[in-house]
Every structure is written in structure tokens, then in C-alpha cells.
Amino acid sequence: MQFSCFYGITIILLVTGISIYDIVLTTTSISRTSYTATAFNNESATTQRPDESKINTSRVTALQSSEPVLQEFPVPPGARPHDVAPAADGIVWYTAQGSGALGRLDMSTNQTHHITLGQGSAPHGVIVGPDGAPWITDGGLNAIVRVDPETEEIRVFPLPEDTGYANLNTATFDKNGTLWFTGQSGIYGRLDPVVGQVEVFDAPRGRGPYGISTAPDGSIYYASLSGSYIARIDLETGAATVLEPPTPDQGARRVWPDSQGRIWVSEWNAGQVAVYNPATQEWKEWHLPGSNPMPYAVYVDDKDMVWLSDFGANAMVRFDPVQETFSMFSLPSPQANVRQILGLSGEVWGAESGSDKLVVIRSGD
């Protein structure tokens, strides 16, 4: 399969001695290819892994109307942006994992700025909290970090000393203002920002907790990559209930709810996207198009469209749950490796860890 892209030249001007970059950008008009998808119910998916031969790709059409627009924003070389979090005030935050810093892209000036988080820092996830501040899961510091968006003051919340190296991953806030987080070493936990108390729980099956998010009803779900399951957390006791996707060893990597409370899952090992409906306890799975799909991140936008990043196709993928169709958006930069997707209304953002860029797709609707 081939994707066509037409894009201009991106120019980076490095201002010597300071960590601010001026960015001159041109928009990218992208053609997208649509595929019909085949869903697999619990019975079929548990007996055999879906393969590409079961995907109906007989209807392949280029969609010509109201095309989305793609932009890439270079960040300082070596930053290796891992996660990205756009804020409503026009600031886009990202974790510069390679630099031990929090990155700040100001959309009004197209400038980036790095805030050093401390010696040994290796930030992984970033989200914008209910207080408007960026909150970071920092694997190097083994701590949750808050950065004041105005003063850039840094506050560090270390994990308990007996936790050991947690390999912190991702965070989310519940409706009570408590921050929940995951650690791939086999833990998940919570932080009460008011009192500064951090609590850690051992995850079922040990290693693997990765993506985490909050459903509309306030429930917290996380995905375990090594454990190949998702779990729902009891907010009172902290206990985790394992929920098994139909495909064994699927490598559930990240999770995101839609407006109906269904939980969408990127299945890294299986090359699939799955959905769990808590109301019916039913699962459905769809195999992504292509010869070697590798869905990493998953995000559901305000129109309930499901977005994934596909390492195998070097593309952003949109899945329409109603029509059960995929649209593929090829990324201009090779081996972009988008590891996280977040968005605002009409905008879907990704962090290109492989190309030192951020990317946004703005809706053409």
C-alpha cells in the first residue's frame, strides 16, 4: 500500500546558548486511504489470532473532501519526545526524555523551550491536570513531577523508598483530583496532591502496567503490556480487577474511553484495536490494515473517532467505530514512532520520538 504526501520544507533556527527554537512551518495536505474492517467476537478471537487475510480491503478509496491538514513541529535535537499534552491556552507540553526536561511549545510564537527537571531525569508521560499544570511521570527520578506553567517551579513527589525502580509510565486524574499512575516494573499507584502522599500497589501478574485513563463515570482503567490485560481500579481500596481481552498475549499497551464509557485498547503484539463495553462486559477486536501493524498509542477524540499510532506503517490511523473503517494518514518523517496521542477539539497531537518532532492533524470537517 502506498500513501501520498505533499509537504514543504521545515526549517529550524537554533539560537546559540539558549534552549529556544524558532520554527518555520508549512502545512501538509495529506491524502488518506480508507479500509473496511472485520470485527472479531469473543468466540472467534479466543480460538485463533486474526490474520490479515480476514480483512476486507476490497473497498479502498481516497477520500477527497475536506481533507485534514498535518503539521510537524521540530523540537531540539536529541529531545526524543515521548508523550505530548496540548493545553487549552495554546501551550503544548511534551516530555523530552532524551534531555531530562519538560518541553513547552508556544503555538502563538512557534517556539519551544525546555525546563530541566533534575539530574537523572528521564520523563515518560505528561498530562495537563485540573489545575492547568503539566504533571509528569519521571522514570529517572522515580517520582511524579509537577511544573508550574507560569513560574516553572518544579515540585517533586518521590515514590516510597521501598518501592524500588518503578519504570514510571503514564498518569491520569480521577474526578476527586487524585492522580493515578502506572509503572512497568509491576506497580500502579496514586498521589493525593493536596497532602503530597504517594501510595503504591502491586499489579496483578507483576510487570507490565502501561497506559492509564479515566472513563466518563470516573472509573480508572490501565493496560498491562507484559501482562496482556486491562484492569479497572477500585478507587476506594486501590484493588485492580483484571479484564481479559479475547486474544491471548495481545500486548495491551494503552487505553482510552469514548463518550459512552467503552474502553478502547491498542494491542501491540496482535496488531489490533479492541474495545471493552463495561455495561455488557463484551469485547470486540479489529485487525489494523497492512502487512505488519504495530499499534502503540490510542486516543478517542470528541467525535468518538478512535486514533492510533502504527509503528509498522509509520502512520496515524483513524478508526470509525460506526462504519468500522480505517483511515491511514502517512507521516512525512520516516520512523517517526509516535508513542502517545492526545488532543483538543479538532486537533489530534502525537509525539514523534524517532524524528524529534511533534505532529498535529487538524480536522478538515
Protein backbone atom coordinates (compact mmCIF):
# COMPACT_ATOMS: atom_id res chain seq x y z
CA MET A 1 0.00 0.00 0.00
CA GLN A 2 1.26 3.49 -0.76
CA PHE A 3 0.46 6.83 0.78
CA SER A 4 0.93 10.16 -0.92
CA CYS A 5 2.08 13.29 0.89
CA PHE A 6 2.94 16.76 -0.29
CA TYR A 7 4.79 18.89 2.17
CA GLY A 8 7.03 21.89 2.38
CA ILE A 9 10.41 22.27 3.98
CA THR A 10 10.64 22.66 7.72
CA ILE A 11 13.40 25.00 8.87
CA ILE A 12 14.90 25.07 12.36
CA LEU A 13 16.86 28.07 13.59
CA LEU A 14 18.99 27.27 16.64
CA VAL A 15 19.67 30.25 18.85
CA THR A 16 23.09 29.55 20.34
CA GLY A 17 23.29 29.30 24.11
CA ILE A 18 19.57 29.10 24.91
CA SER A 19 17.02 26.34 24.60
CA ILE A 20 14.56 28.20 22.39
CA TYR A 21 13.87 27.19 18.81
CA ASP A 22 12.11 29.29 16.18
CA ILE A 23 10.11 27.09 13.86
CA VAL A 24 9.04 27.94 10.33
CA LEU A 25 6.30 25.58 9.28
CA THR A 26 4.33 24.76 6.19
CA THR A 27 1.18 22.71 6.28
CA THR A 28 0.98 19.26 4.79
CA SER A 29 -2.02 18.25 2.72
CA ILE A 30 -2.44 14.53 3.26
CA SER A 31 -4.39 12.03 1.23
CA ARG A 32 -5.94 9.30 3.29
CA THR A 33 -6.85 5.77 2.36
CA SER A 34 -9.94 4.10 3.75
CA TYR A 35 -10.33 0.41 4.57
CA THR A 36 -13.31 -1.57 5.71
CA ALA A 37 -12.60 -3.65 8.79
CA THR A 38 -13.72 -7.02 10.06
CA ALA A 39 -14.64 -7.33 13.72
CA PHE A 40 -13.89 -10.48 15.70
CA ASN A 41 -16.16 -11.51 18.52
CA ASN A 42 -15.09 -13.30 21.68
CA GLU A 43 -15.59 -16.81 20.36
CA SER A 44 -13.58 -16.49 17.15
CA ALA A 45 -10.81 -14.42 18.67
CA THR A 46 -10.13 -16.81 21.52
CA THR A 47 -9.66 -19.79 19.22
CA GLN A 48 -7.30 -18.18 16.75
CA ARG A 49 -5.42 -14.95 16.21
CA PRO A 50 -6.99 -12.85 13.43
CA ASP A 51 -4.74 -12.51 10.42
CA GLU A 52 -4.63 -10.05 7.56
CA SER A 53 -6.33 -12.43 5.13
CA LYS A 54 -9.56 -11.87 7.05
CA ILE A 55 -9.57 -8.12 6.42
CA ASN A 56 -11.87 -6.96 3.67
CA THR A 57 -9.73 -4.50 1.72
CA SER A 58 -11.76 -4.74 -1.45
CA ARG A 59 -13.04 -1.20 -0.92
CA VAL A 60 -10.02 1.09 -0.97
CA THR A 61 -10.77 4.69 -1.82
CA ALA A 62 -9.01 8.02 -1.48
CA LEU A 63 -11.29 10.41 0.35
CA GLN A 64 -11.21 13.75 -1.43
CA SER A 65 -13.49 16.04 0.53
CA SER A 66 -12.44 18.29 3.40
CA GLU A 67 -9.01 16.77 3.82
CA PRO A 68 -7.31 17.14 7.19
CA VAL A 69 -4.13 19.17 7.50
CA LEU A 70 -0.94 17.85 9.08
CA GLN A 71 1.86 19.89 10.65
CA GLU A 72 5.14 18.81 12.18
CA PHE A 73 6.96 20.91 14.78
CA PRO A 74 10.69 20.21 15.25
CA VAL A 75 11.99 20.14 18.80
CA PRO A 76 15.64 20.41 19.94
CA PRO A 77 17.81 17.57 18.59
CA GLY A 78 18.17 14.66 20.98
CA ALA A 79 14.99 15.53 22.89
CA ARG A 80 13.28 12.27 21.90
CA PRO A 81 9.77 13.50 22.80
CA HIS A 82 7.87 10.63 24.35
CA ASP A 83 4.45 11.96 25.35
CA VAL A 84 2.59 15.12 24.40
CA ALA A 85 -0.23 17.07 26.06
CA PRO A 86 -1.85 20.09 24.38
CA ALA A 87 -3.40 22.66 26.73
CA ALA A 88 -6.37 24.90 26.03
CA ASP A 89 -4.22 28.06 26.35
CA GLY A 90 -2.19 27.28 23.22
CA ILE A 91 0.75 25.67 25.00
CA VAL A 92 1.72 22.13 24.00
CA TRP A 93 3.71 20.24 26.64
CA TYR A 94 5.93 17.27 25.86
CA THR A 95 8.40 15.09 27.71
CA ALA A 96 11.92 15.45 26.32
CA GLN A 97 13.02 12.04 27.53
CA GLY A 98 16.45 12.27 25.94
CA SER A 99 17.15 15.62 27.59
CA GLY A 100 15.69 15.05 31.06
CA ALA A 101 13.36 18.00 30.53
CA LEU A 102 9.80 19.12 30.05
CA GLY A 103 9.28 20.75 26.66
CA ARG A 104 6.98 23.70 26.05
CA LEU A 105 5.78 24.62 22.55
CA ASP A 106 4.04 28.00 22.36
CA MET A 107 1.66 27.94 19.42
CA SER A 108 1.43 31.74 19.33
CA THR A 109 5.15 32.10 18.59
CA ASN A 110 6.09 28.63 17.29
CA GLN A 111 8.93 28.50 19.83
CA THR A 112 9.99 25.63 22.04
CA HIS A 113 11.58 25.91 25.45
CA HIS A 114 12.97 23.22 27.75
CA ILE A 115 12.61 23.10 31.53
CA THR A 116 15.25 20.86 33.12
CA LEU A 117 13.67 18.55 35.69
CA GLY A 118 16.75 17.49 37.65
CA GLN A 119 19.81 15.29 37.48
CA GLY A 120 18.95 11.78 36.32
CA SER A 121 15.54 12.78 34.98
CA ALA A 122 14.01 10.61 32.26
CA PRO A 123 10.42 11.79 31.88
CA HIS A 124 7.95 9.46 30.21
CA GLY A 125 4.35 10.69 30.43
CA VAL A 126 2.84 14.16 30.69
CA ILE A 127 -0.76 15.27 31.15
CA VAL A 128 -2.40 18.60 31.93
CA GLY A 129 -4.07 18.40 35.33
CA PRO A 130 -7.29 20.03 36.50
CA ASP A 131 -5.11 22.83 37.90
CA GLY A 132 -3.84 23.62 34.39
CA ALA A 133 -0.32 22.45 35.21
CA PRO A 134 1.69 19.72 33.47
CA TRP A 135 2.17 16.58 35.57
CA ILE A 136 4.96 14.20 34.64
CA THR A 137 5.74 10.56 35.38
CA ASP A 138 9.53 10.58 35.60
CA GLY A 139 11.19 7.18 35.45
CA GLY A 140 14.66 8.58 36.09
CA LEU A 141 13.63 10.42 39.25
CA ASN A 142 11.24 7.62 40.28
CA ALA A 143 8.77 10.36 41.08
CA ILE A 144 5.73 12.32 39.98
CA VAL A 145 6.66 15.86 38.99
CA ARG A 146 4.52 19.00 38.74
CA VAL A 147 5.70 22.08 36.87
CA ASP A 148 4.04 25.43 37.47
CA PRO A 149 3.05 26.69 33.99
CA GLU A 150 3.69 30.33 34.94
CA THR A 151 6.76 30.29 37.20
CA GLU A 152 8.20 26.94 36.01
CA GLU A 153 8.66 25.99 39.66
CA ILE A 154 9.22 22.24 39.97
CA ARG A 155 7.66 20.12 42.69
CA VAL A 156 8.78 16.50 43.03
CA PHE A 157 6.71 13.73 44.69
CA PRO A 158 9.04 10.73 45.16
CA LEU A 159 7.68 7.22 45.36
CA PRO A 160 8.07 5.48 48.75
CA GLU A 161 11.67 4.42 49.32
CA ASP A 162 10.83 0.71 49.49
CA THR A 163 9.14 0.78 46.05
CA GLY A 164 12.32 0.22 44.09
CA TYR A 165 12.67 1.25 40.46
CA ALA A 166 9.12 1.55 39.14
CA ASN A 167 9.81 2.45 35.48
CA LEU A 168 7.03 5.03 35.71
CA ASN A 169 4.86 5.32 32.64
CA THR A 170 1.58 7.26 32.44
CA ALA A 171 -0.81 9.19 34.69
CA THR A 172 -4.44 10.28 34.86
CA PHE A 173 -6.59 12.24 37.32
CA ASP A 174 -9.80 10.91 38.78
CA LYS A 175 -12.81 13.13 39.46
CA ASN A 176 -11.69 13.76 43.04
CA GLY A 177 -8.39 15.29 41.94
CA THR A 178 -6.27 12.24 42.80
CA LEU A 179 -3.56 11.36 40.31
CA TRP A 180 -3.22 7.67 39.38
CA PHE A 181 -0.13 6.32 37.64
CA THR A 182 1.47 3.15 36.29
CA GLY A 183 4.94 1.63 36.44
CA GLN A 184 6.09 -1.08 34.07
CA SER A 185 8.10 -2.80 36.78
CA GLY A 186 4.82 -4.11 38.15
CA ILE A 187 3.14 -1.35 40.11
CA TYR A 188 0.41 1.25 39.90
CA GLY A 189 -0.31 3.96 42.41
CA ARG A 190 -1.97 7.19 43.41
CA LEU A 191 -0.94 10.62 44.60
CA ASP A 192 -3.03 12.99 46.67
CA PRO A 193 -1.63 16.36 45.52
CA VAL A 194 -3.16 18.20 48.50
CA VAL A 195 -1.21 16.31 51.15
CA GLY A 196 1.56 15.04 48.87
CA GLN A 197 1.05 11.40 49.82
CA VAL A 198 2.07 8.72 47.31
CA GLU A 199 0.67 5.19 47.61
CA VAL A 200 1.88 2.22 45.56
CA PHE A 201 0.12 -1.09 44.81
CA ASP A 202 1.48 -4.33 43.36
CA ALA A 203 -0.11 -5.07 39.98
CA PRO A 204 -1.68 -8.44 39.17
CA ARG A 205 0.76 -10.65 37.26
CA GLY A 206 3.67 -8.38 38.01
CA ARG A 207 5.41 -6.44 35.25
CA GLY A 208 3.58 -4.52 32.55
CA PRO A 209 1.32 -1.63 33.68
CA TYR A 210 1.48 0.97 30.90
CA GLY A 211 -1.31 3.27 29.66
CA ILE A 212 -3.96 4.56 32.07
CA SER A 213 -7.04 6.77 31.68
CA THR A 214 -10.28 7.89 33.30
CA ALA A 215 -13.71 6.91 31.98
CA PRO A 216 -16.69 9.32 31.94
CA ASP A 217 -18.18 7.67 35.04
CA GLY A 218 -14.93 8.28 36.95
CA SER A 219 -13.61 4.72 36.73
CA ILE A 220 -9.87 4.25 36.19
CA TYR A 221 -8.56 1.67 33.73
CA TYR A 222 -4.99 0.73 32.89
CA ALA A 223 -3.39 -1.58 30.36
CA SER A 224 -0.63 -4.09 31.08
CA LEU A 225 1.72 -4.64 28.16
CA SER A 226 3.59 -7.62 29.60
CA GLY A 227 0.50 -8.98 31.34
CA SER A 228 -1.74 -8.69 28.23
CA TYR A 229 -4.78 -7.48 30.12
CA ILE A 230 -6.58 -4.31 31.12
CA ALA A 231 -7.70 -3.62 34.69
CA ARG A 232 -10.29 -1.50 36.45
CA ILE A 233 -9.15 0.08 39.71
CA ASP A 234 -11.34 0.36 42.78
CA LEU A 235 -10.84 3.99 43.78
CA GLU A 236 -11.51 3.32 47.45
CA THR A 237 -9.38 0.24 48.10
CA GLY A 238 -6.97 0.57 45.19
CA ALA A 239 -7.58 -3.06 44.18
CA ALA A 240 -7.33 -3.90 40.47
CA THR A 241 -9.79 -6.21 38.68
CA VAL A 242 -8.30 -7.93 35.62
CA LEU A 243 -10.32 -7.84 32.39
CA GLU A 244 -9.11 -10.28 29.73
CA PRO A 245 -9.16 -9.27 26.04
CA PRO A 246 -10.24 -12.14 23.75
CA THR A 247 -6.86 -12.57 22.02
CA PRO A 248 -4.21 -14.19 24.23
CA ASP A 249 -0.84 -12.43 24.58
CA GLN A 250 -2.14 -9.45 22.64
CA GLY A 251 0.09 -6.90 24.42
CA ALA A 252 -2.45 -4.33 25.62
CA ARG A 253 -0.42 -1.12 25.59
CA ARG A 254 -2.64 1.94 26.08
CA VAL A 255 -6.31 2.53 26.88
CA TRP A 256 -8.76 5.35 26.25
CA PRO A 257 -12.51 5.70 26.89
CA ASP A 258 -15.11 7.04 24.49
CA SER A 259 -18.11 9.18 25.44
CA GLN A 260 -20.21 6.05 26.07
CA GLY A 261 -17.74 4.69 28.60
CA ARG A 262 -16.41 1.95 26.34
CA ILE A 263 -12.69 1.32 26.77
CA TRP A 264 -10.51 1.23 23.65
CA VAL A 265 -7.23 -0.68 23.72
CA SER A 266 -4.19 -0.70 21.43
CA GLU A 267 -3.00 -4.30 21.15
CA TRP A 268 0.70 -4.03 20.29
CA ASN A 269 1.54 -7.71 19.84
CA ALA A 270 -1.63 -8.63 17.96
CA GLY A 271 -1.74 -5.62 15.61
CA GLN A 272 -5.31 -4.90 16.68
CA VAL A 273 -7.56 -2.33 18.26
CA ALA A 274 -10.05 -3.64 20.80
CA VAL A 275 -12.99 -2.24 22.71
CA TYR A 276 -14.47 -3.37 26.02
CA ASN A 277 -18.02 -2.41 26.99
CA PRO A 278 -18.37 -2.37 30.80
CA ALA A 279 -22.16 -2.26 30.51
CA THR A 280 -22.32 -5.62 28.71
CA GLN A 281 -18.85 -7.00 29.54
CA GLU A 282 -18.39 -7.70 25.84
CA TRP A 283 -15.27 -7.31 23.70
CA LYS A 284 -14.72 -6.64 20.00
CA GLU A 285 -11.41 -6.53 18.13
CA TRP A 286 -10.33 -5.34 14.69
CA HIS A 287 -7.05 -6.04 12.93
CA LEU A 288 -5.36 -2.95 11.51
CA PRO A 289 -4.63 -2.83 7.76
CA GLY A 290 -1.17 -3.54 6.42
CA SER A 291 1.41 -6.30 6.45
CA ASN A 292 2.86 -5.57 9.90
CA PRO A 293 0.63 -3.30 12.01
CA MET A 294 2.09 -2.23 15.34
CA PRO A 295 -0.49 -0.08 17.17
CA TYR A 296 1.17 1.78 20.02
CA ALA A 297 -0.95 4.69 21.25
CA VAL A 298 -4.74 5.00 21.29
CA TYR A 299 -6.90 8.09 21.80
CA VAL A 300 -10.61 8.84 21.26
CA ASP A 301 -11.47 12.34 20.05
CA ASP A 302 -14.56 14.43 20.83
CA LYS A 303 -16.42 12.87 17.89
CA ASP A 304 -15.76 9.36 19.20
CA MET A 305 -13.29 8.62 16.42
CA VAL A 306 -10.55 6.27 17.58
CA TRP A 307 -6.96 7.26 16.76
CA LEU A 308 -3.94 5.00 16.87
CA SER A 309 -0.27 5.32 16.01
CA ASP A 310 1.04 2.47 13.85
CA PHE A 311 4.80 1.94 14.00
CA GLY A 312 4.62 -0.67 11.24
CA ALA A 313 3.03 1.70 8.71
CA ASN A 314 4.66 4.89 10.06
CA ALA A 315 1.19 6.36 10.16
CA MET A 316 -1.56 7.81 12.27
CA VAL A 317 -4.67 5.69 11.95
CA ARG A 318 -8.27 6.74 12.46
CA PHE A 319 -10.92 4.12 13.13
CA ASP A 320 -14.61 4.90 12.68
CA PRO A 321 -16.48 2.59 15.11
CA VAL A 322 -19.84 3.14 13.40
CA GLN A 323 -18.71 2.43 9.84
CA GLU A 324 -15.96 0.05 11.02
CA THR A 325 -13.45 1.62 8.63
CA PHE A 326 -9.82 2.63 8.99
CA SER A 327 -8.27 5.78 7.50
CA MET A 328 -4.47 5.82 7.27
CA PHE A 329 -2.51 9.11 7.47
CA SER A 330 1.09 8.61 6.45
CA LEU A 331 3.67 10.58 8.43
CA PRO A 332 6.18 12.62 6.37
CA SER A 333 9.14 11.82 8.64
CA PRO A 334 10.49 8.27 8.40
CA GLN A 335 10.40 6.11 11.52
CA ALA A 336 8.51 8.81 13.40
CA ASN A 337 7.49 6.39 16.19
CA VAL A 338 4.56 8.24 17.76
CA ARG A 339 4.29 6.92 21.31
CA GLN A 340 1.42 8.98 22.66
CA ILE A 341 -1.66 10.71 21.24
CA LEU A 342 -3.74 13.39 22.97
CA GLY A 343 -5.89 16.13 21.56
CA LEU A 344 -8.27 19.04 21.75
CA SER A 345 -11.44 19.63 19.75
CA GLY A 346 -10.49 19.37 16.08
CA GLU A 347 -6.83 18.58 16.84
CA VAL A 348 -5.00 15.30 17.37
CA TRP A 349 -1.40 15.55 18.63
CA GLY A 350 1.39 13.00 18.63
CA ALA A 351 4.98 12.91 19.85
CA GLU A 352 7.45 11.65 17.21
CA SER A 353 10.15 10.14 19.38
CA GLY A 354 12.06 8.85 16.36
CA SER A 355 12.31 12.15 14.49
CA ASP A 356 12.46 14.79 17.27
CA LYS A 357 9.18 16.36 16.21
CA LEU A 358 5.63 16.88 17.37
CA VAL A 359 2.81 16.33 14.92
CA VAL A 360 -0.77 17.57 14.77
CA ILE A 361 -3.60 16.57 12.47
CA ARG A 362 -6.33 19.20 12.28
CA SER A 363 -9.75 18.08 11.17
CA GLY A 364 -10.88 19.04 7.69
CA ASP A 365 -14.55 18.52 8.59
